[in-house]
Amino acid sequence: GNLKNCKKNKIKLAPLSVHGWPLKMSPPGPDTHGVLLVFPPGLTPRQRAVLHAVGEAHSLEHASEGEAGARHICLGHSKGQQVDLSQHSSLTDQQLCDLLEQHLQIKDATAHFQSGSVLLNGEQRAGSGGGHARANSKTGGLSKSGGDASGGKAAQAVRAAALQNKAACPELDDFVASTLALVELEREAEVAATQEASLACSPETAQARGRSLLNLRLADAEGGLLGRTLLTLVSNKGYLAGSKAAAQPELPPNKFSPHDIVAVKPNKGPAEGPPLCTGVVYRAKDTSLVIAVDDVPDEGMDQPLRIDKLANEVTYQRLKATLNKLSKASRGGGAEPCPGSSIVDVCFGRTSPRFAATPPAWTPHNAGLDDSQRAAIGLALGAKDVALIHGPPGTGKTTAVVELILQEVARGSRVLATSASNIAVDNLVERLVRADPKMRIVRMGHPARLLPQVLDSSLEAHVLRSDNSSLAKDCRKEIKALNTQLMKLGSKDRAERRQIRGDLRRLAKEERSRQEAAVVEVVKGAQVIASTLTGLLQHSLESQ
């Protein structure tokens, strides 16, 4: 079945000889544009970094694709013949060099791999590592990869090397300045590309490309979390006011998804004209798009509408705000030290991480932990600043982190659990709920981005169950009734429309106040708060 799929998609499998070395493959046909190598997910982080460097040096396309354990690198020509190497669980540096020379005629790959050895967490990494999860402090510490390396000559050499490299750590101000400049360059490029895509083509072409939706109508408006209004937009095709309701037609194929920033405009207006309102896609369905907006315009929503995707600058704003906070983290000018300043000093090599002289005693919740996991958890429980748990996929890092969180909660701590991706956070939340169903876990983030099995732990679900939210529901009912009444009014009923708009603003303010109180109540009572890294900049977390 896999071979049939490969043939159907024109993916060429790289065969192996008896010794595991790639065999010579026939060159691509005249209708291809070279070769695209699809490497297996089992490459080491160093090998991945070197492959990206090779692609950059030879002006080849290179990208990381997939999620979590299936993440892999593609290198070569995107329009070329694909060579799938995923049947390899891992590849040595020499095998990678041979593949690069064989398929892409790169003869200097060996030099890149020889100069690509990097110091990761104080340890020289030249291969894939051992088969156990390891825990290390930044300048040495405990290593569980077949034995305790904390006191041997190798560990002493690692600590010495880390201390020697301490002076080579980038200065905080230089790091912030250079990263801010790069973030701004990326933001400007995305904004320019979005504007060019929307202005350089007709509305019909923009819709065909999935960046716009034309001829929509407002089907419903209801109150959302924290005083926002949820607008439901559907296709206006074949709709006649007052006629018998028919099956709602599907929207054209599009690229809209939750969290996209969009502009709502008149359908017949110019592409560069001002929007009626802007909002965030809350829910995307085949027949409708739900958009969360802060304020609904007084006029213009009773006509055919279009929506355009805008450049999402929220992430860039959060990155820049965090970098600016980072630059102040270790400055001692304020009356009170900035939260996290000691961690910043450790991460930038200014001080060494601190650990308890005597590791705390603890009893595992999970009796199936192996020695390396117990050692990693013990190190983390004794850490005063930072502890690292690292190892190849499948070695039990998540299991160790779940146990660590259970231990910290049992000690009375409140835990912030975060990761770069939604899927990683959801996986951790699911494991924590399974380990202790009574633990108060709050998953921050947009409900549409969460896995169904963790929705019950979401902030919105907790808020809807709180006492303050019950009071807010009364406001929401009134808001929905007024919105329904508003949608029935014509353009000539201006006085009545203004009156209803005023009532809606008053109710929205009251609902927001009650829901904000509910959010504070939920967050304060949480034992574990789980979120993505960019999702941490929530107003509800600022005082925590």
Protein backbone atom coordinates (compact mmCIF):
# COMPACT_ATOMS: atom_id res chain seq x y z
CA GLY A 1 0.00 0.00 0.00
CA ASN A 2 2.81 2.44 0.84
CA LEU A 3 4.57 1.56 -2.43
CA LYS A 4 1.35 2.28 -4.36
CA ASN A 5 1.04 5.66 -2.63
CA CYS A 6 4.67 6.46 -3.42
CA LYS A 7 4.16 5.59 -7.09
CA LYS A 8 0.93 7.59 -7.21
CA ASN A 9 2.66 10.68 -5.77
CA LYS A 10 5.85 10.12 -7.80
CA ILE A 11 7.96 9.61 -4.69
CA LYS A 12 11.10 7.62 -5.38
CA LEU A 13 12.28 5.36 -2.54
CA ALA A 14 16.02 5.17 -1.92
CA PRO A 15 16.95 1.45 -1.69
CA LEU A 16 19.45 0.08 0.81
CA SER A 17 22.23 -2.43 0.29
CA VAL A 18 22.96 -5.26 2.71
CA HIS A 19 25.18 -2.98 4.81
CA GLY A 20 22.61 -0.18 5.03
CA TRP A 21 24.28 2.13 2.48
CA PRO A 22 22.23 3.87 -0.19
CA LEU A 23 22.63 2.33 -3.63
CA LYS A 24 23.20 4.28 -6.82
CA MET A 25 19.94 5.68 -8.20
CA SER A 26 19.16 6.58 -11.78
CA PRO A 27 19.29 10.31 -12.51
CA PRO A 28 16.00 12.20 -12.70
CA GLY A 29 14.22 12.42 -16.01
CA PRO A 30 14.34 15.48 -18.25
CA ASP A 31 10.97 16.74 -16.96
CA THR A 32 12.20 17.24 -13.37
CA HIS A 33 14.07 20.12 -11.78
CA GLY A 34 16.60 18.14 -9.78
CA VAL A 35 16.02 16.17 -6.59
CA LEU A 36 14.30 16.86 -3.26
CA LEU A 37 15.73 14.78 -0.41
CA VAL A 38 13.23 13.97 2.38
CA PHE A 39 15.30 13.01 5.43
CA PRO A 40 14.04 10.79 8.28
CA PRO A 41 12.81 12.34 11.55
CA GLY A 42 15.51 10.48 13.51
CA LEU A 43 18.33 12.90 12.67
CA THR A 44 20.12 14.56 15.59
CA PRO A 45 19.66 18.31 16.21
CA ARG A 46 23.28 18.85 15.10
CA GLN A 47 22.73 16.98 11.85
CA ARG A 48 19.58 19.03 11.19
CA ALA A 49 21.47 22.29 11.79
CA VAL A 50 24.30 21.23 9.46
CA LEU A 51 21.86 20.25 6.70
CA HIS A 52 20.22 23.68 6.90
CA ALA A 53 23.69 25.26 6.68
CA VAL A 54 24.54 23.12 3.64
CA GLY A 55 21.32 24.18 1.93
CA GLU A 56 22.05 27.83 2.64
CA ALA A 57 25.63 27.56 1.38
CA HIS A 58 24.54 25.96 -1.92
CA SER A 59 21.40 28.12 -2.44
CA LEU A 60 19.11 25.10 -2.14
CA GLU A 61 15.60 25.10 -0.70
CA HIS A 62 15.54 23.69 2.83
CA ALA A 63 12.74 23.48 5.38
CA SER A 64 11.53 21.54 8.40
CA GLU A 65 8.08 19.98 8.04
CA GLY A 66 5.75 17.90 10.21
CA GLU A 67 4.94 17.96 13.91
CA ALA A 68 6.63 16.56 17.03
CA GLY A 69 8.25 13.16 16.41
CA ALA A 70 7.39 13.23 12.70
CA ARG A 71 9.25 16.49 12.04
CA HIS A 72 11.76 16.08 9.21
CA ILE A 73 13.98 18.12 6.88
CA CYS A 74 13.52 18.53 3.11
CA LEU A 75 16.54 19.71 1.12
CA GLY A 76 16.98 20.27 -2.60
CA HIS A 77 14.57 21.42 -5.28
CA SER A 78 10.89 21.59 -4.33
CA LYS A 79 9.77 20.86 -7.92
CA GLY A 80 12.20 17.99 -8.33
CA GLN A 81 11.88 14.26 -7.92
CA GLN A 82 11.41 13.34 -4.26
CA VAL A 83 13.79 10.83 -2.72
CA ASP A 84 12.19 9.48 0.45
CA LEU A 85 14.73 8.41 3.09
CA SER A 86 12.20 7.89 5.87
CA GLN A 87 12.83 4.12 5.98
CA HIS A 88 16.13 4.91 7.73
CA SER A 89 15.68 5.19 11.51
CA SER A 90 18.90 7.23 11.64
CA LEU A 91 21.85 8.13 9.41
CA THR A 92 25.51 8.68 10.20
CA ASP A 93 27.33 11.83 9.11
CA GLN A 94 29.16 9.86 6.42
CA GLN A 95 25.92 8.44 5.03
CA LEU A 96 24.45 11.95 4.88
CA CYS A 97 27.54 13.20 3.03
CA ASP A 98 27.30 10.32 0.55
CA LEU A 99 23.60 11.06 -0.06
CA LEU A 100 24.27 14.77 -0.61
CA GLU A 101 27.02 14.03 -3.11
CA GLN A 102 25.05 11.30 -4.88
CA HIS A 103 21.81 13.19 -5.38
CA LEU A 104 22.72 16.89 -5.18
CA GLN A 105 26.39 16.77 -6.30
CA ILE A 106 27.53 18.45 -3.06
CA LYS A 107 31.15 17.47 -2.53
CA ASP A 108 32.06 19.68 0.45
CA ALA A 109 29.44 18.29 2.88
CA THR A 110 32.15 16.56 4.95
CA ALA A 111 33.71 19.92 5.78
CA HIS A 112 30.36 21.26 6.96
CA PHE A 113 29.82 18.28 9.26
CA GLN A 114 33.37 18.47 10.64
CA SER A 115 32.96 22.15 11.51
CA GLY A 116 29.35 21.71 12.64
CA SER A 117 30.04 20.17 16.08
CA VAL A 118 28.38 22.37 18.66
CA LEU A 119 28.35 22.56 22.42
CA LEU A 120 24.79 21.81 23.59
CA ASN A 121 24.04 22.27 27.29
CA GLY A 122 27.70 21.97 28.15
CA GLU A 123 28.17 18.67 26.33
CA GLN A 124 29.97 18.08 23.02
CA ARG A 125 27.44 16.28 20.79
CA ALA A 126 28.77 14.37 17.83
CA GLY A 127 26.08 11.72 17.43
CA SER A 128 22.57 10.85 18.37
CA GLY A 129 23.27 10.34 22.04
CA GLY A 130 22.37 7.49 24.33
CA GLY A 131 19.19 5.65 24.92
CA HIS A 132 18.11 7.29 28.20
CA ALA A 133 16.75 10.66 29.13
CA ARG A 134 19.55 12.76 30.60
CA ALA A 135 19.42 15.61 33.09
CA ASN A 136 22.17 18.22 33.15
CA SER A 137 22.76 21.55 34.77
CA LYS A 138 24.10 24.26 32.49
CA THR A 139 27.66 23.69 33.61
CA GLY A 140 27.71 20.00 34.28
CA GLY A 141 25.57 18.16 36.79
CA LEU A 142 24.00 14.76 36.58
CA SER A 143 24.14 12.64 33.44
CA LYS A 144 22.20 9.42 33.07
CA SER A 145 23.30 7.75 29.87
CA GLY A 146 24.51 4.41 31.03
CA GLY A 147 26.15 5.77 34.19
CA ASP A 148 26.73 8.75 36.44
CA ALA A 149 29.08 11.17 34.71
CA SER A 150 28.87 13.91 37.31
CA GLY A 151 32.18 13.15 38.95
CA GLY A 152 34.43 11.72 36.23
CA LYS A 153 37.11 13.36 34.14
CA ALA A 154 34.73 13.75 31.19
CA ALA A 155 32.24 15.72 33.29
CA GLN A 156 35.03 17.88 34.72
CA ALA A 157 36.21 18.63 31.20
CA VAL A 158 32.67 19.56 30.19
CA ARG A 159 32.33 21.92 33.14
CA ALA A 160 35.70 23.49 32.37
CA ALA A 161 34.76 23.97 28.73
CA ALA A 162 31.46 25.56 29.72
CA LEU A 163 33.18 27.96 32.10
CA GLN A 164 35.72 28.89 29.42
CA ASN A 165 32.89 29.61 27.01
CA LYS A 166 31.15 31.77 29.58
CA ALA A 167 32.93 34.86 28.29
CA ALA A 168 31.76 34.04 24.77
CA CYS A 169 28.07 34.26 25.73
CA PRO A 170 26.34 37.11 23.89
CA GLU A 171 25.70 40.23 25.91
CA LEU A 172 22.03 40.58 26.73
CA ASP A 173 21.65 44.05 25.18
CA ASP A 174 23.37 42.92 21.96
CA PHE A 175 21.15 39.83 21.77
CA VAL A 176 17.98 41.89 22.27
CA ALA A 177 19.02 44.54 19.72
CA SER A 178 19.95 42.08 16.99
CA THR A 179 16.87 39.89 17.55
CA LEU A 180 14.54 42.90 17.54
CA ALA A 181 15.98 43.98 14.19
CA LEU A 182 15.46 40.50 12.73
CA VAL A 183 11.89 40.28 14.06
CA GLU A 184 11.08 43.66 12.52
CA LEU A 185 12.54 42.57 9.16
CA GLU A 186 10.38 39.45 9.21
CA ARG A 187 7.28 41.44 10.17
CA GLU A 188 7.84 43.98 7.38
CA ALA A 189 8.31 41.19 4.84
CA GLU A 190 5.07 39.45 5.90
CA VAL A 191 3.08 42.71 5.83
CA ALA A 192 4.49 43.61 2.39
CA ALA A 193 3.72 40.15 1.00
CA THR A 194 0.15 40.27 2.34
CA GLN A 195 -0.49 43.74 0.93
CA GLU A 196 0.97 42.79 -2.43
CA ALA A 197 -1.15 39.63 -2.56
CA SER A 198 -4.37 41.55 -1.81
CA LEU A 199 -3.80 44.68 -3.91
CA ALA A 200 -2.09 43.21 -6.96
CA CYS A 201 -5.03 41.05 -8.01
CA SER A 202 -8.77 41.25 -8.47
CA PRO A 203 -11.16 40.23 -5.66
CA GLU A 204 -12.06 37.10 -7.63
CA THR A 205 -8.40 36.12 -7.92
CA ALA A 206 -7.86 36.77 -4.20
CA GLN A 207 -10.81 34.46 -3.45
CA ALA A 208 -9.45 31.80 -5.82
CA ARG A 209 -6.16 31.97 -3.87
CA GLY A 210 -8.02 31.45 -0.60
CA ARG A 211 -7.16 34.85 0.92
CA SER A 212 -10.61 36.45 0.49
CA LEU A 213 -14.26 35.43 0.65
CA LEU A 214 -16.81 37.41 -1.37
CA ASN A 215 -20.57 37.94 -1.24
CA LEU A 216 -21.16 37.05 2.40
CA ARG A 217 -23.94 38.11 4.75
CA LEU A 218 -24.23 38.47 8.50
CA ALA A 219 -26.34 35.55 9.72
CA ASP A 220 -25.96 35.95 13.49
CA ALA A 221 -24.32 38.02 16.21
CA GLU A 222 -23.92 36.89 19.81
CA GLY A 223 -21.85 37.70 22.85
CA GLY A 224 -18.49 36.02 23.30
CA LEU A 225 -15.89 35.70 26.05
CA LEU A 226 -14.77 38.96 27.70
CA GLY A 227 -17.34 41.18 26.00
CA ARG A 228 -16.42 40.38 22.41
CA THR A 229 -19.10 39.89 19.76
CA LEU A 230 -19.13 36.76 17.60
CA LEU A 231 -20.26 37.48 14.04
CA THR A 232 -21.38 34.50 11.95
CA LEU A 233 -20.85 35.11 8.22
CA VAL A 234 -22.35 32.80 5.59
CA SER A 235 -22.63 32.77 1.81
CA ASN A 236 -25.12 35.25 0.38
CA LYS A 237 -25.59 33.14 -2.74
CA GLY A 238 -29.27 32.56 -3.50
CA TYR A 239 -30.42 34.28 -0.30
CA LEU A 240 -33.64 36.30 -0.34
CA ALA A 241 -34.80 38.10 2.80
CA GLY A 242 -38.07 36.69 4.08
CA SER A 243 -37.94 33.60 1.87
CA LYS A 244 -38.18 30.05 3.23
CA ALA A 245 -34.90 28.89 4.72
CA ALA A 246 -32.95 26.48 2.49
CA ALA A 247 -29.83 24.45 3.03
CA GLN A 248 -26.92 26.81 3.59
CA PRO A 249 -24.44 26.59 0.66
CA GLU A 250 -20.79 25.83 1.41
CA LEU A 251 -18.20 28.57 1.32
CA PRO A 252 -15.65 28.52 -1.53
CA PRO A 253 -12.33 26.75 -0.73
CA ASN A 254 -10.26 29.07 1.42
CA LYS A 255 -7.26 29.29 3.74
CA PHE A 256 -8.98 30.85 6.75
CA SER A 257 -8.38 29.17 10.10
CA PRO A 258 -8.81 30.09 13.80
CA HIS A 259 -6.63 32.98 14.99
CA ASP A 260 -6.31 34.56 11.52
CA ILE A 261 -6.66 38.34 11.54
CA VAL A 262 -9.31 39.46 9.03
CA ALA A 263 -10.93 42.66 7.77
CA VAL A 264 -14.68 42.86 7.07
CA LYS A 265 -15.47 45.16 4.14
CA PRO A 266 -18.38 45.98 1.83
CA ASN A 267 -18.46 43.43 -0.98
CA LYS A 268 -18.40 46.09 -3.70
CA GLY A 269 -15.91 48.42 -2.04
CA PRO A 270 -12.29 48.92 -3.19
CA ALA A 271 -9.69 46.47 -1.86
CA GLU A 272 -7.65 49.31 -0.35
CA GLY A 273 -10.71 50.91 1.29
CA PRO A 274 -11.15 51.09 5.08
CA PRO A 275 -12.76 48.04 6.72
CA LEU A 276 -16.06 48.11 8.54
CA CYS A 277 -14.30 46.25 11.37
CA THR A 278 -11.40 43.89 11.98
CA GLY A 279 -11.42 40.73 14.07
CA VAL A 280 -10.06 37.27 14.69
CA VAL A 281 -11.40 34.07 13.16
CA TYR A 282 -12.99 32.21 16.06
CA ARG A 283 -14.36 29.20 14.23
CA ALA A 284 -14.13 28.04 10.60
CA LYS A 285 -16.72 25.65 9.15
CA ASP A 286 -17.61 24.52 5.65
CA THR A 287 -20.70 26.75 5.56
CA SER A 288 -19.78 29.62 7.88
CA LEU A 289 -17.01 31.68 9.40
CA VAL A 290 -17.33 33.02 12.97
CA ILE A 291 -15.32 36.17 13.68
CA ALA A 292 -14.70 37.69 17.13
CA VAL A 293 -14.70 41.50 17.09
CA ASP A 294 -14.36 44.04 19.90
CA ASP A 295 -16.84 46.51 18.45
CA VAL A 296 -19.58 46.03 15.84
CA PRO A 297 -19.95 49.04 13.52
CA ASP A 298 -23.17 51.02 13.75
CA GLU A 299 -23.71 50.93 9.97
CA GLY A 300 -22.81 48.78 6.98
CA MET A 301 -23.30 45.22 8.26
CA ASP A 302 -26.69 44.80 6.55
CA GLN A 303 -25.18 44.66 3.04
CA PRO A 304 -23.23 41.97 1.12
CA LEU A 305 -19.78 41.65 2.71
CA ARG A 306 -16.32 40.35 1.97
CA ILE A 307 -13.49 39.35 4.28
CA ASP A 308 -9.76 39.65 3.58
CA LYS A 309 -6.95 37.96 5.46
CA LEU A 310 -4.52 40.43 7.04
CA ALA A 311 -0.95 40.02 8.17
CA ASN A 312 -0.96 38.60 11.70
CA GLU A 313 1.17 41.07 13.65
CA VAL A 314 0.07 39.81 17.08
CA THR A 315 2.90 37.30 17.33
CA TYR A 316 5.46 39.94 16.33
CA GLN A 317 4.08 42.38 18.89
CA ARG A 318 4.37 39.73 21.60
CA LEU A 319 7.92 38.83 20.55
CA LYS A 320 8.99 42.48 20.66
CA ALA A 321 7.29 43.08 24.01
CA THR A 322 9.04 40.02 25.47
CA LEU A 323 12.43 41.11 24.13
CA ASN A 324 11.97 44.56 25.66
CA LYS A 325 11.09 42.95 29.01
CA LEU A 326 14.12 40.69 28.68
CA SER A 327 16.42 43.68 28.29
CA LYS A 328 15.20 44.96 31.69
CA ALA A 329 15.21 41.58 33.41
CA SER A 330 18.64 41.78 35.03
CA ARG A 331 18.99 45.53 35.51
CA GLY A 332 19.08 46.44 39.16
CA GLY A 333 17.81 50.01 38.79
CA GLY A 334 14.25 49.34 39.92
CA ALA A 335 12.98 49.20 43.45
CA GLU A 336 12.09 45.54 43.01
CA PRO A 337 13.96 42.91 40.98
CA CYS A 338 12.29 41.88 37.73
CA PRO A 339 10.70 38.40 37.88
CA GLY A 340 12.96 35.85 36.22
CA SER A 341 16.11 37.96 36.46
CA SER A 342 18.07 35.14 38.10
CA ILE A 343 17.09 32.74 35.31
CA VAL A 344 18.19 35.27 32.67
CA ASP A 345 21.59 35.56 34.35
CA VAL A 346 21.99 31.78 34.28
CA CYS A 347 20.90 31.44 30.65
CA PHE A 348 23.31 34.15 29.51
CA GLY A 349 26.23 32.61 31.38
CA ARG A 350 26.60 35.33 34.02
CA THR A 351 26.05 32.98 36.96
CA SER A 352 26.00 29.23 37.46
CA PRO A 353 22.75 27.40 38.21
CA ARG A 354 22.14 26.62 41.86
CA PHE A 355 21.04 23.28 43.28
CA ALA A 356 20.07 22.15 46.77
CA ALA A 357 22.99 20.67 48.71
CA THR A 358 20.79 17.73 49.69
CA PRO A 359 18.25 16.62 47.06
CA PRO A 360 14.70 16.54 48.50
CA ALA A 361 13.18 13.17 49.32
CA TRP A 362 10.23 12.18 47.16
CA THR A 363 8.03 9.17 46.48
CA PRO A 364 7.10 8.53 42.81
CA HIS A 365 3.46 8.60 41.78
CA ASN A 366 4.45 6.49 38.77
CA ALA A 367 6.04 3.23 39.91
CA GLY A 368 7.21 2.49 36.36
CA LEU A 369 9.89 5.21 36.23
CA ASP A 370 13.35 3.96 35.26
CA ASP A 371 16.62 5.06 36.88
CA SER A 372 17.34 7.83 34.36
CA GLN A 373 13.88 9.35 34.83
CA ARG A 374 14.17 9.23 38.63
CA ALA A 375 17.59 10.90 38.43
CA ALA A 376 16.25 13.63 36.13
CA ILE A 377 13.27 14.33 38.41
CA GLY A 378 15.50 14.39 41.49
CA LEU A 379 17.80 16.92 39.84
CA ALA A 380 14.87 19.14 38.82
CA LEU A 381 13.29 19.03 42.29
CA GLY A 382 16.58 20.23 43.75
CA ALA A 383 17.09 23.01 41.18
CA LYS A 384 16.81 26.61 42.34
CA ASP A 385 17.08 28.17 38.88
CA VAL A 386 17.13 25.89 35.84
CA ALA A 387 17.29 22.16 35.16
CA LEU A 388 17.38 20.51 31.74
CA ILE A 389 15.92 17.11 30.90
CA HIS A 390 16.91 16.00 27.43
CA GLY A 391 17.19 12.84 25.39
CA PRO A 392 16.25 11.23 22.06
CA PRO A 393 12.58 10.64 21.17
CA GLY A 394 10.88 7.85 23.06
CA THR A 395 13.15 7.93 26.10
CA GLY A 396 10.44 9.11 28.52
CA LYS A 397 10.98 12.86 28.83
CA THR A 398 7.26 13.68 28.91
CA THR A 399 6.67 10.95 31.49
CA ALA A 400 9.40 12.51 33.64
CA VAL A 401 7.92 16.00 33.25
CA VAL A 402 4.44 14.75 34.25
CA GLU A 403 5.92 13.19 37.39
CA LEU A 404 7.87 16.38 38.13
CA ILE A 405 4.69 18.49 37.92
CA LEU A 406 2.81 16.07 40.18
CA GLN A 407 5.64 16.29 42.74
CA GLU A 408 5.73 20.11 42.63
CA VAL A 409 1.95 20.37 43.06
CA ALA A 410 2.15 17.96 46.00
CA ARG A 411 4.76 20.31 47.54
CA GLY A 412 2.30 23.21 47.25
CA SER A 413 3.80 24.84 44.17
CA ARG A 414 1.84 26.39 41.32
CA VAL A 415 3.28 25.26 37.99
CA LEU A 416 3.46 26.99 34.62
CA ALA A 417 3.82 24.35 31.87
CA THR A 418 4.65 25.72 28.44
CA SER A 419 5.89 24.66 25.03
CA ALA A 420 6.28 26.11 21.54
CA SER A 421 3.39 24.20 19.95
CA ASN A 422 -0.25 23.63 20.83
CA ILE A 423 0.01 19.90 20.23
CA ALA A 424 2.85 19.54 22.77
CA VAL A 425 0.92 21.49 25.43
CA ASP A 426 -2.25 19.49 24.78
CA ASN A 427 -0.33 16.22 25.03
CA LEU A 428 1.04 17.25 28.43
CA VAL A 429 -2.39 18.37 29.68
CA GLU A 430 -3.96 15.09 28.58
CA ARG A 431 -1.27 13.12 30.43
CA LEU A 432 -1.67 15.23 33.58
CA VAL A 433 -5.47 14.82 33.63
CA ARG A 434 -5.02 11.08 33.25
CA ALA A 435 -2.48 10.99 36.10
CA ASP A 436 -4.58 13.09 38.50
CA PRO A 437 -8.17 13.90 37.42
CA LYS A 438 -8.69 16.10 40.49
CA MET A 439 -5.77 18.43 39.71
CA ARG A 440 -6.90 21.97 38.83
CA ILE A 441 -5.39 22.45 35.36
CA VAL A 442 -6.19 25.48 33.20
CA ARG A 443 -5.27 25.28 29.52
CA MET A 444 -4.87 28.83 28.18
CA GLY A 445 -5.48 29.41 24.49
CA HIS A 446 -8.09 29.61 21.77
CA PRO A 447 -10.57 26.69 22.10
CA ALA A 448 -10.57 26.15 18.33
CA ARG A 449 -6.84 25.35 18.46
CA LEU A 450 -7.12 22.76 21.25
CA LEU A 451 -7.54 19.01 20.94
CA PRO A 452 -11.10 17.86 21.79
CA GLN A 453 -9.87 15.73 24.70
CA VAL A 454 -8.49 18.78 26.59
CA LEU A 455 -11.37 21.21 25.97
CA ASP A 456 -12.78 20.49 29.42
CA SER A 457 -9.55 21.90 30.90
CA SER A 458 -9.62 25.08 28.77
CA LEU A 459 -9.89 28.52 30.37
CA GLU A 460 -13.20 29.12 28.61
CA ALA A 461 -14.70 25.88 29.98
CA HIS A 462 -13.58 26.75 33.53
CA VAL A 463 -14.99 30.29 33.19
CA LEU A 464 -18.36 29.04 31.97
CA ARG A 465 -18.60 26.84 35.08
CA SER A 466 -17.78 29.64 37.53
CA ASP A 467 -20.27 31.65 39.60
CA ASN A 468 -19.36 34.98 38.00
CA SER A 469 -19.93 33.55 34.55
CA SER A 470 -23.45 32.50 35.53
CA LEU A 471 -24.23 36.16 36.12
CA ALA A 472 -22.66 37.06 32.77
CA LYS A 473 -24.97 34.61 30.97
CA ASP A 474 -27.92 36.90 31.73
CA CYS A 475 -26.13 39.71 29.89
CA ARG A 476 -25.36 37.38 26.98
CA LYS A 477 -29.04 36.46 26.58
CA GLU A 478 -30.00 40.14 26.42
CA ILE A 479 -27.19 40.84 23.94
CA LYS A 480 -28.33 38.04 21.65
CA ALA A 481 -31.93 39.25 21.75
CA LEU A 482 -30.88 42.83 20.93
CA ASN A 483 -28.62 41.67 18.08
CA THR A 484 -31.50 39.68 16.61
CA GLN A 485 -33.71 42.77 16.84
CA LEU A 486 -30.99 44.93 15.28
CA MET A 487 -30.57 42.63 12.27
CA LYS A 488 -34.30 43.01 11.47
CA LEU A 489 -34.13 46.81 11.29
CA GLY A 490 -33.71 48.60 7.99
CA SER A 491 -31.25 51.33 7.13
CA LYS A 492 -33.94 53.98 7.70
CA ASP A 493 -34.48 53.01 11.37
CA ARG A 494 -31.44 55.01 12.47
CA ALA A 495 -32.76 56.28 15.79
CA GLU A 496 -33.81 52.82 16.94
CA ARG A 497 -30.51 51.34 15.73
CA ARG A 498 -28.55 53.95 17.76
CA GLN A 499 -30.59 53.13 20.86
CA ILE A 500 -29.92 49.40 20.50
CA ARG A 501 -26.22 50.00 19.86
CA GLY A 502 -26.01 51.97 23.08
CA ASP A 503 -27.72 49.18 25.03
CA LEU A 504 -25.36 46.62 23.45
CA ARG A 505 -22.28 48.58 24.49
CA ARG A 506 -23.58 48.89 28.06
CA LEU A 507 -24.36 45.17 28.29
CA ALA A 508 -21.03 44.20 26.70
CA LYS A 509 -19.17 46.28 29.28
CA GLU A 510 -21.08 44.65 32.13
CA GLU A 511 -20.57 41.16 30.70
CA ARG A 512 -16.84 41.81 30.22
CA SER A 513 -16.52 42.95 33.83
CA ARG A 514 -18.22 39.80 35.15
CA GLN A 515 -16.23 37.50 32.89
CA GLU A 516 -12.94 39.19 33.80
CA ALA A 517 -13.75 38.50 37.45
CA ALA A 518 -14.46 34.88 36.50
CA VAL A 519 -11.10 34.60 34.67
CA VAL A 520 -9.21 35.99 37.68
CA GLU A 521 -11.05 33.53 39.93
CA VAL A 522 -10.18 30.55 37.69
CA VAL A 523 -6.51 31.49 37.18
CA LYS A 524 -5.91 32.15 40.89
CA GLY A 525 -7.34 28.76 41.77
CA ALA A 526 -5.28 26.85 39.19
CA GLN A 527 -2.55 24.50 40.36
CA VAL A 528 -1.17 24.11 36.82
CA ILE A 529 -1.44 26.66 34.02
CA ALA A 530 -0.60 25.27 30.57
CA SER A 531 0.02 27.47 27.54
CA THR A 532 2.09 27.95 24.42
CA LEU A 533 5.03 30.34 24.70
CA THR A 534 3.35 33.14 22.73
CA GLY A 535 0.08 32.52 24.56
CA LEU A 536 1.68 33.45 27.87
CA LEU A 537 1.23 37.16 27.23
CA GLN A 538 -2.34 37.05 28.51
CA HIS A 539 -3.63 39.93 30.62
CA SER A 540 -5.04 37.37 33.04
CA LEU A 541 -1.50 36.14 33.82
CA GLU A 542 0.20 39.50 34.37
CA SER A 543 -0.52 39.53 38.11
CA GLN A 544 0.32 35.87 38.65
